Amino acid sequence: MKIDKPTEIASDVSIADTPDAPQVTVEAVMYELKESGLDALKAPNARRRLGDLSQKQHREVLARLVKLRPRYPKITDELLVHIDELGQ
């Protein structure tokens, strides 16, 4: 699946400087992203959960995905770039 711009998938997601989301939300985001990759960003629940994350949690999710990448083929460069751009 090739996606030219992150806005084509998750234009309604913005990572705000908000209080931390519950840890269960972080774990749900991690599960969706590592198992479904870019397809997860099309799901309304995944977009909502990403939007619930604080900037700190967003950075932590990105770092965890990078570490898990060798074990999960759905974690691609393209996914990491999209996730990174959502936090900017």
PDB file of N, CA and C in Angstrom:
ATOM      1  N   MET A   1       0.839  -1.166   0.000  1.00  0.00           N
ATOM      2  CA  MET A   1       0.000   0.000   0.000  1.00  0.00           C
ATOM      3  C   MET A   1       0.886   1.231   0.000  1.00  0.00           C
ATOM      4  N   LYS A   2       0.730   2.100  -0.962  1.00  0.00           N
ATOM      5  CA  LYS A   2       1.510   3.314  -1.086  1.00  0.00           C
ATOM      6  C   LYS A   2       0.615   4.496  -0.787  1.00  0.00           C
ATOM      7  N   ILE A   3       1.061   5.337   0.122  1.00  0.00           N
ATOM      8  CA  ILE A   3       0.295   6.522   0.485  1.00  0.00           C
ATOM      9  C   ILE A   3       1.219   7.711   0.347  1.00  0.00           C
ATOM     10  N   ASP A   4       0.816   8.689  -0.431  1.00  0.00           N
ATOM     11  CA  ASP A   4       1.683   9.816  -0.712  1.00  0.00           C
ATOM     12  C   ASP A   4       1.785  10.797   0.442  1.00  0.00           C
ATOM     13  N   LYS A   5       0.692  11.038   1.113  1.00  0.00           N
ATOM     14  CA  LYS A   5       0.685  12.032   2.178  1.00  0.00           C
ATOM     15  C   LYS A   5      -0.003  11.468   3.410  1.00  0.00           C
ATOM     16  N   PRO A   6       0.507  11.820   4.596  1.00  0.00           N
ATOM     17  CA  PRO A   6      -0.157  11.336   5.797  1.00  0.00           C
ATOM     18  C   PRO A   6      -1.596  11.824   5.906  1.00  0.00           C
ATOM     19  N   THR A   7      -1.900  12.957   5.304  1.00  0.00           N
ATOM     20  CA  THR A   7      -3.255  13.494   5.398  1.00  0.00           C
ATOM     21  C   THR A   7      -4.262  12.628   4.673  1.00  0.00           C
ATOM     22  N   GLU A   8      -3.787  11.770   3.758  1.00  0.00           N
ATOM     23  CA  GLU A   8      -4.714  10.883   3.061  1.00  0.00           C
ATOM     24  C   GLU A   8      -5.266   9.817   4.002  1.00  0.00           C
ATOM     25  N   ILE A   9      -4.574   9.556   5.086  1.00  0.00           N
ATOM     26  CA  ILE A   9      -5.004   8.510   6.009  1.00  0.00           C
ATOM     27  C   ILE A   9      -5.610   9.098   7.263  1.00  0.00           C
ATOM     28  N   ALA A  10      -4.909   9.985   7.874  1.00  0.00           N
ATOM     29  CA  ALA A  10      -5.304  10.411   9.210  1.00  0.00           C
ATOM     30  C   ALA A  10      -5.297  11.928   9.328  1.00  0.00           C
ATOM     31  N   SER A  11      -5.989  12.592   8.448  1.00  0.00           N
ATOM     32  CA  SER A  11      -5.997  14.050   8.472  1.00  0.00           C
ATOM     33  C   SER A  11      -6.708  14.602   9.698  1.00  0.00           C
ATOM     34  N   ASP A  12      -7.528  13.794  10.334  1.00  0.00           N
ATOM     35  CA  ASP A  12      -8.276  14.265  11.490  1.00  0.00           C
ATOM     36  C   ASP A  12      -7.542  14.001  12.803  1.00  0.00           C
ATOM     37  N   VAL A  13      -6.307  13.538  12.729  1.00  0.00           N
ATOM     38  CA  VAL A  13      -5.539  13.249  13.939  1.00  0.00           C
ATOM     39  C   VAL A  13      -4.578  14.393  14.184  1.00  0.00           C
ATOM     40  N   SER A  14      -4.584  14.899  15.400  1.00  0.00           N
ATOM     41  CA  SER A  14      -3.556  15.853  15.791  1.00  0.00           C
ATOM     42  C   SER A  14      -3.122  15.492  17.201  1.00  0.00           C
ATOM     43  N   ILE A  15      -1.827  15.435  17.377  1.00  0.00           N
ATOM     44  CA  ILE A  15      -1.263  15.100  18.675  1.00  0.00           C
ATOM     45  C   ILE A  15      -1.107  16.414  19.431  1.00  0.00           C
ATOM     46  N   ALA A  16      -1.883  16.586  20.440  1.00  0.00           N
ATOM     47  CA  ALA A  16      -1.868  17.830  21.200  1.00  0.00           C
ATOM     48  C   ALA A  16      -1.006  17.680  22.446  1.00  0.00           C
ATOM     49  N   ASP A  17      -0.642  18.808  23.004  1.00  0.00           N
ATOM     50  CA  ASP A  17       0.093  18.776  24.262  1.00  0.00           C
ATOM     51  C   ASP A  17      -0.944  18.713  25.382  1.00  0.00           C
ATOM     52  N   THR A  18      -1.487  17.535  25.551  1.00  0.00           N
ATOM     53  CA  THR A  18      -2.547  17.294  26.526  1.00  0.00           C
ATOM     54  C   THR A  18      -2.012  16.394  27.625  1.00  0.00           C
ATOM     55  N   PRO A  19      -2.784  16.221  28.678  1.00  0.00           N
ATOM     56  CA  PRO A  19      -2.365  15.262  29.705  1.00  0.00           C
ATOM     57  C   PRO A  19      -2.249  13.861  29.099  1.00  0.00           C
ATOM     58  N   ASP A  20      -1.467  13.049  29.747  1.00  0.00           N
ATOM     59  CA  ASP A  20      -1.274  11.679  29.266  1.00  0.00           C
ATOM     60  C   ASP A  20      -2.602  10.925  29.193  1.00  0.00           C
ATOM     61  N   ALA A  21      -2.735  10.148  28.130  1.00  0.00           N
ATOM     62  CA  ALA A  21      -3.878   9.242  27.993  1.00  0.00           C
ATOM     63  C   ALA A  21      -3.637   8.040  28.907  1.00  0.00           C
ATOM     64  N   PRO A  22      -4.684   7.307  29.255  1.00  0.00           N
ATOM     65  CA  PRO A  22      -4.491   6.094  30.057  1.00  0.00           C
ATOM     66  C   PRO A  22      -3.542   5.120  29.348  1.00  0.00           C
ATOM     67  N   GLN A  23      -2.792   4.370  30.117  1.00  0.00           N
ATOM     68  CA  GLN A  23      -1.826   3.425  29.547  1.00  0.00           C
ATOM     69  C   GLN A  23      -2.500   2.404  28.632  1.00  0.00           C
ATOM     70  N   VAL A  24      -3.726   2.035  28.957  1.00  0.00           N
ATOM     71  CA  VAL A  24      -4.447   1.076  28.106  1.00  0.00           C
ATOM     72  C   VAL A  24      -4.645   1.641  26.694  1.00  0.00           C
ATOM     73  N   THR A  25      -4.784   2.944  26.563  1.00  0.00           N
ATOM     74  CA  THR A  25      -4.907   3.580  25.249  1.00  0.00           C
ATOM     75  C   THR A  25      -3.597   3.454  24.482  1.00  0.00           C
ATOM     76  N   VAL A  26      -2.493   3.692  25.163  1.00  0.00           N
ATOM     77  CA  VAL A  26      -1.176   3.557  24.539  1.00  0.00           C
ATOM     78  C   VAL A  26      -0.981   2.125  24.043  1.00  0.00           C
ATOM     79  N   GLU A  27      -1.335   1.158  24.885  1.00  0.00           N
ATOM     80  CA  GLU A  27      -1.154  -0.245  24.502  1.00  0.00           C
ATOM     81  C   GLU A  27      -2.057  -0.626  23.333  1.00  0.00           C
ATOM     82  N   ALA A  28      -3.259  -0.075  23.289  1.00  0.00           N
ATOM     83  CA  ALA A  28      -4.160  -0.347  22.159  1.00  0.00           C
ATOM     84  C   ALA A  28      -3.581   0.216  20.864  1.00  0.00           C
ATOM     85  N   VAL A  29      -3.034   1.418  20.922  1.00  0.00           N
ATOM     86  CA  VAL A  29      -2.394   2.030  19.749  1.00  0.00           C
ATOM     87  C   VAL A  29      -1.215   1.167  19.300  1.00  0.00           C
ATOM     88  N   MET A  30      -0.402   0.751  20.243  1.00  0.00           N
ATOM     89  CA  MET A  30       0.758  -0.080  19.910  1.00  0.00           C
ATOM     90  C   MET A  30       0.313  -1.367  19.214  1.00  0.00           C
ATOM     91  N   TYR A  31      -0.678  -2.013  19.759  1.00  0.00           N
ATOM     92  CA  TYR A  31      -1.158  -3.264  19.181  1.00  0.00           C
ATOM     93  C   TYR A  31      -1.644  -3.043  17.747  1.00  0.00           C
ATOM     94  N   GLU A  32      -2.475  -2.022  17.572  1.00  0.00           N
ATOM     95  CA  GLU A  32      -3.029  -1.762  16.242  1.00  0.00           C
ATOM     96  C   GLU A  32      -1.938  -1.462  15.223  1.00  0.00           C
ATOM     97  N   LEU A  33      -0.974  -0.644  15.614  1.00  0.00           N
ATOM     98  CA  LEU A  33       0.071  -0.248  14.675  1.00  0.00           C
ATOM     99  C   LEU A  33       1.025  -1.391  14.347  1.00  0.00           C
ATOM    100  N   LYS A  34       1.412  -2.168  15.351  1.00  0.00           N
ATOM    101  CA  LYS A  34       2.372  -3.243  15.067  1.00  0.00           C
ATOM    102  C   LYS A  34       1.727  -4.399  14.312  1.00  0.00           C
ATOM    103  N   GLU A  35       0.434  -4.626  14.509  1.00  0.00           N
ATOM    104  CA  GLU A  35      -0.253  -5.720  13.829  1.00  0.00           C
ATOM    105  C   GLU A  35      -0.816  -5.335  12.462  1.00  0.00           C
ATOM    106  N   SER A  36      -1.253  -4.089  12.309  1.00  0.00           N
ATOM    107  CA  SER A  36      -1.924  -3.679  11.064  1.00  0.00           C
ATOM    108  C   SER A  36      -1.137  -2.670  10.240  1.00  0.00           C
ATOM    109  N   GLY A  37      -0.127  -2.057  10.812  1.00  0.00           N
ATOM    110  CA  GLY A  37       0.677  -1.095  10.066  1.00  0.00           C
ATOM    111  C   GLY A  37      -0.139   0.095   9.595  1.00  0.00           C
ATOM    112  N   LEU A  38       0.109   0.492   8.350  1.00  0.00           N
ATOM    113  CA  LEU A  38      -0.587   1.660   7.789  1.00  0.00           C
ATOM    114  C   LEU A  38      -2.098   1.495   7.768  1.00  0.00           C
ATOM    115  N   ASP A  39      -2.567   0.277   7.611  1.00  0.00           N
ATOM    116  CA  ASP A  39      -4.014   0.053   7.599  1.00  0.00           C
ATOM    117  C   ASP A  39      -4.669   0.494   8.903  1.00  0.00           C
ATOM    118  N   ALA A  40      -3.933   0.439  10.001  1.00  0.00           N
ATOM    119  CA  ALA A  40      -4.485   0.865  11.290  1.00  0.00           C
ATOM    120  C   ALA A  40      -4.864   2.343  11.255  1.00  0.00           C
ATOM    121  N   LEU A  41      -4.127   3.132  10.468  1.00  0.00           N
ATOM    122  CA  LEU A  41      -4.393   4.570  10.422  1.00  0.00           C
ATOM    123  C   LEU A  41      -5.692   4.909   9.694  1.00  0.00           C
ATOM    124  N   LYS A  42      -6.278   3.926   9.042  1.00  0.00           N
ATOM    125  CA  LYS A  42      -7.572   4.135   8.385  1.00  0.00           C
ATOM    126  C   LYS A  42      -8.742   3.901   9.342  1.00  0.00           C
ATOM    127  N   ALA A  43      -8.477   3.229  10.444  1.00  0.00           N
ATOM    128  CA  ALA A  43      -9.534   2.870  11.389  1.00  0.00           C
ATOM    129  C   ALA A  43      -9.859   4.047  12.307  1.00  0.00           C
ATOM    130  N   PRO A  44     -11.138   4.396  12.432  1.00  0.00           N
ATOM    131  CA  PRO A  44     -11.516   5.518  13.299  1.00  0.00           C
ATOM    132  C   PRO A  44     -11.029   5.361  14.744  1.00  0.00           C
ATOM    133  N   ASN A  45     -11.092   4.151  15.280  1.00  0.00           N
ATOM    134  CA  ASN A  45     -10.650   3.955  16.666  1.00  0.00           C
ATOM    135  C   ASN A  45      -9.167   4.235  16.832  1.00  0.00           C
ATOM    136  N   ALA A  46      -8.375   3.787  15.884  1.00  0.00           N
ATOM    137  CA  ALA A  46      -6.930   4.032  15.961  1.00  0.00           C
ATOM    138  C   ALA A  46      -6.628   5.524  15.855  1.00  0.00           C
ATOM    139  N   ARG A  47      -7.313   6.210  14.948  1.00  0.00           N
ATOM    140  CA  ARG A  47      -7.099   7.662  14.808  1.00  0.00           C
ATOM    141  C   ARG A  47      -7.502   8.389  16.085  1.00  0.00           C
ATOM    142  N   ARG A  48      -8.611   7.982  16.673  1.00  0.00           N
ATOM    143  CA  ARG A  48      -9.057   8.622  17.915  1.00  0.00           C
ATOM    144  C   ARG A  48      -8.032   8.398  19.025  1.00  0.00           C
ATOM    145  N   ARG A  49      -7.570   7.155  19.143  1.00  0.00           N
ATOM    146  CA  ARG A  49      -6.594   6.844  20.189  1.00  0.00           C
ATOM    147  C   ARG A  49      -5.298   7.621  19.990  1.00  0.00           C
ATOM    148  N   LEU A  50      -4.838   7.719  18.753  1.00  0.00           N
ATOM    149  CA  LEU A  50      -3.626   8.503  18.485  1.00  0.00           C
ATOM    150  C   LEU A  50      -3.819   9.960  18.893  1.00  0.00           C
ATOM    151  N   GLY A  51      -5.000  10.485  18.613  1.00  0.00           N
ATOM    152  CA  GLY A  51      -5.294  11.866  18.988  1.00  0.00           C
ATOM    153  C   GLY A  51      -5.392  12.079  20.491  1.00  0.00           C
ATOM    154  N   ASP A  52      -5.646  11.005  21.236  1.00  0.00           N
ATOM    155  CA  ASP A  52      -5.732  11.095  22.699  1.00  0.00           C
ATOM    156  C   ASP A  52      -4.362  11.131  23.370  1.00  0.00           C
ATOM    157  N   LEU A  53      -3.312  10.760  22.629  1.00  0.00           N
ATOM    158  CA  LEU A  53      -1.980  10.692  23.228  1.00  0.00           C
ATOM    159  C   LEU A  53      -1.388  12.081  23.448  1.00  0.00           C
ATOM    160  N   SER A  54      -0.640  12.209  24.521  1.00  0.00           N
ATOM    161  CA  SER A  54       0.128  13.433  24.725  1.00  0.00           C
ATOM    162  C   SER A  54       1.343  13.391  23.803  1.00  0.00           C
ATOM    163  N   GLN A  55       2.022  14.500  23.660  1.00  0.00           N
ATOM    164  CA  GLN A  55       3.220  14.525  22.818  1.00  0.00           C
ATOM    165  C   GLN A  55       4.285  13.574  23.363  1.00  0.00           C
ATOM    166  N   LYS A  56       4.405  13.510  24.670  1.00  0.00           N
ATOM    167  CA  LYS A  56       5.362  12.594  25.291  1.00  0.00           C
ATOM    168  C   LYS A  56       5.026  11.149  24.940  1.00  0.00           C
ATOM    169  N   GLN A  57       3.761  10.779  25.045  1.00  0.00           N
ATOM    170  CA  GLN A  57       3.342   9.424  24.715  1.00  0.00           C
ATOM    171  C   GLN A  57       3.534   9.126  23.231  1.00  0.00           C
ATOM    172  N   HIS A  58       3.277  10.108  22.403  1.00  0.00           N
ATOM    173  CA  HIS A  58       3.484   9.942  20.966  1.00  0.00           C
ATOM    174  C   HIS A  58       4.948   9.596  20.682  1.00  0.00           C
ATOM    175  N   ARG A  59       5.871  10.317  21.298  1.00  0.00           N
ATOM    176  CA  ARG A  59       7.297  10.030  21.114  1.00  0.00           C
ATOM    177  C   ARG A  59       7.649   8.637  21.626  1.00  0.00           C
ATOM    178  N   GLU A  60       7.039   8.243  22.743  1.00  0.00           N
ATOM    179  CA  GLU A  60       7.293   6.912  23.294  1.00  0.00           C
ATOM    180  C   GLU A  60       6.777   5.817  22.370  1.00  0.00           C
ATOM    181  N   VAL A  61       5.599   6.015  21.798  1.00  0.00           N
ATOM    182  CA  VAL A  61       5.039   5.034  20.856  1.00  0.00           C
ATOM    183  C   VAL A  61       5.971   4.903  19.655  1.00  0.00           C
ATOM    184  N   LEU A  62       6.431   6.008  19.129  1.00  0.00           N
ATOM    185  CA  LEU A  62       7.326   5.983  17.979  1.00  0.00           C
ATOM    186  C   LEU A  62       8.619   5.239  18.320  1.00  0.00           C
ATOM    187  N   ALA A  63       9.187   5.511  19.475  1.00  0.00           N
ATOM    188  CA  ALA A  63      10.418   4.828  19.893  1.00  0.00           C
ATOM    189  C   ALA A  63      10.193   3.329  20.061  1.00  0.00           C
ATOM    190  N   ARG A  64       9.068   2.953  20.632  1.00  0.00           N
ATOM    191  CA  ARG A  64       8.750   1.525  20.800  1.00  0.00           C
ATOM    192  C   ARG A  64       8.572   0.832  19.452  1.00  0.00           C
ATOM    193  N   LEU A  65       7.920   1.511  18.513  1.00  0.00           N
ATOM    194  CA  LEU A  65       7.736   0.928  17.188  1.00  0.00           C
ATOM    195  C   LEU A  65       9.084   0.692  16.505  1.00  0.00           C
ATOM    196  N   VAL A  66       9.989   1.638  16.645  1.00  0.00           N
ATOM    197  CA  VAL A  66      11.316   1.482  16.049  1.00  0.00           C
ATOM    198  C   VAL A  66      12.010   0.252  16.635  1.00  0.00           C
ATOM    199  N   LYS A  67      11.926   0.069  17.942  1.00  0.00           N
ATOM    200  CA  LYS A  67      12.557  -1.081  18.588  1.00  0.00           C
ATOM    201  C   LYS A  67      11.909  -2.403  18.180  1.00  0.00           C
ATOM    202  N   LEU A  68      10.592  -2.399  17.975  1.00  0.00           N
ATOM    203  CA  LEU A  68       9.862  -3.616  17.629  1.00  0.00           C
ATOM    204  C   LEU A  68       9.925  -3.963  16.146  1.00  0.00           C
ATOM    205  N   ARG A  69      10.386  -3.052  15.358  1.00  0.00           N
ATOM    206  CA  ARG A  69      10.349  -3.208  13.905  1.00  0.00           C
ATOM    207  C   ARG A  69      10.927  -4.529  13.389  1.00  0.00           C
ATOM    208  N   PRO A  70      12.040  -5.015  13.905  1.00  0.00           N
ATOM    209  CA  PRO A  70      12.575  -6.277  13.372  1.00  0.00           C
ATOM    210  C   PRO A  70      11.626  -7.475  13.526  1.00  0.00           C
ATOM    211  N   ARG A  71      10.740  -7.420  14.496  1.00  0.00           N
ATOM    212  CA  ARG A  71       9.829  -8.547  14.759  1.00  0.00           C
ATOM    213  C   ARG A  71       8.462  -8.402  14.104  1.00  0.00           C
ATOM    214  N   TYR A  72       8.136  -7.221  13.620  1.00  0.00           N
ATOM    215  CA  TYR A  72       6.805  -6.968  13.056  1.00  0.00           C
ATOM    216  C   TYR A  72       6.942  -6.352  11.663  1.00  0.00           C
ATOM    217  N   PRO A  73       6.714  -7.138  10.620  1.00  0.00           N
ATOM    218  CA  PRO A  73       6.881  -6.636   9.249  1.00  0.00           C
ATOM    219  C   PRO A  73       5.940  -5.495   8.879  1.00  0.00           C
ATOM    220  N   LYS A  74       4.841  -5.343   9.600  1.00  0.00           N
ATOM    221  CA  LYS A  74       3.900  -4.246   9.298  1.00  0.00           C
ATOM    222  C   LYS A  74       4.447  -2.883   9.735  1.00  0.00           C
ATOM    223  N   ILE A  75       5.488  -2.886  10.558  1.00  0.00           N
ATOM    224  CA  ILE A  75       6.114  -1.625  10.974  1.00  0.00           C
ATOM    225  C   ILE A  75       7.141  -1.261   9.904  1.00  0.00           C
ATOM    226  N   THR A  76       6.722  -0.421   8.995  1.00  0.00           N
ATOM    227  CA  THR A  76       7.554  -0.036   7.852  1.00  0.00           C
ATOM    228  C   THR A  76       8.092   1.383   8.022  1.00  0.00           C
ATOM    229  N   ASP A  77       9.045   1.745   7.157  1.00  0.00           N
ATOM    230  CA  ASP A  77       9.543   3.122   7.148  1.00  0.00           C
ATOM    231  C   ASP A  77       8.390   4.096   6.938  1.00  0.00           C
ATOM    232  N   GLU A  78       7.521   3.737   6.021  1.00  0.00           N
ATOM    233  CA  GLU A  78       6.393   4.609   5.697  1.00  0.00           C
ATOM    234  C   GLU A  78       5.494   4.825   6.918  1.00  0.00           C
ATOM    235  N   LEU A  79       5.217   3.774   7.662  1.00  0.00           N
ATOM    236  CA  LEU A  79       4.407   3.910   8.876  1.00  0.00           C
ATOM    237  C   LEU A  79       5.103   4.834   9.872  1.00  0.00           C
ATOM    238  N   LEU A  80       6.384   4.619  10.087  1.00  0.00           N
ATOM    239  CA  LEU A  80       7.120   5.438  11.056  1.00  0.00           C
ATOM    240  C   LEU A  80       7.130   6.906  10.648  1.00  0.00           C
ATOM    241  N   VAL A  81       7.291   7.170   9.368  1.00  0.00           N
ATOM    242  CA  VAL A  81       7.266   8.558   8.884  1.00  0.00           C
ATOM    243  C   VAL A  81       5.899   9.180   9.132  1.00  0.00           C
ATOM    244  N   HIS A  82       4.834   8.446   8.830  1.00  0.00           N
ATOM    245  CA  HIS A  82       3.478   8.971   9.035  1.00  0.00           C
ATOM    246  C   HIS A  82       3.216   9.254  10.510  1.00  0.00           C
ATOM    247  N   ILE A  83       3.608   8.337  11.361  1.00  0.00           N
ATOM    248  CA  ILE A  83       3.405   8.524  12.800  1.00  0.00           C
ATOM    249  C   ILE A  83       4.206   9.737  13.286  1.00  0.00           C
ATOM    250  N   ASP A  84       5.432   9.863  12.817  1.00  0.00           N
ATOM    251  CA  ASP A  84       6.258  11.001  13.196  1.00  0.00           C
ATOM    252  C   ASP A  84       5.625  12.315  12.743  1.00  0.00           C
ATOM    253  N   GLU A  85       5.123  12.352  11.527  1.00  0.00           N
ATOM    254  CA  GLU A  85       4.519  13.582  11.006  1.00  0.00           C
ATOM    255  C   GLU A  85       3.238  13.957  11.741  1.00  0.00           C
ATOM    256  N   LEU A  86       2.518  12.985  12.266  1.00  0.00           N
ATOM    257  CA  LEU A  86       1.310  13.293  13.023  1.00  0.00           C
ATOM    258  C   LEU A  86       1.631  14.060  14.300  1.00  0.00           C
ATOM    259  N   GLY A  87       2.818  13.859  14.836  1.00  0.00           N
ATOM    260  CA  GLY A  87       3.198  14.525  16.076  1.00  0.00           C
ATOM    261  C   GLY A  87       3.786  15.905  15.888  1.00  0.00           C
ATOM    262  N   GLN A  88       3.905  16.347  14.645  1.00  0.00           N
ATOM    263  CA  GLN A  88       4.513  17.654  14.396  1.00  0.00           C
ATOM    264  C   GLN A  88       3.484  18.739  14.281  1.00  0.00           C
TER     265      GLN A  88
END
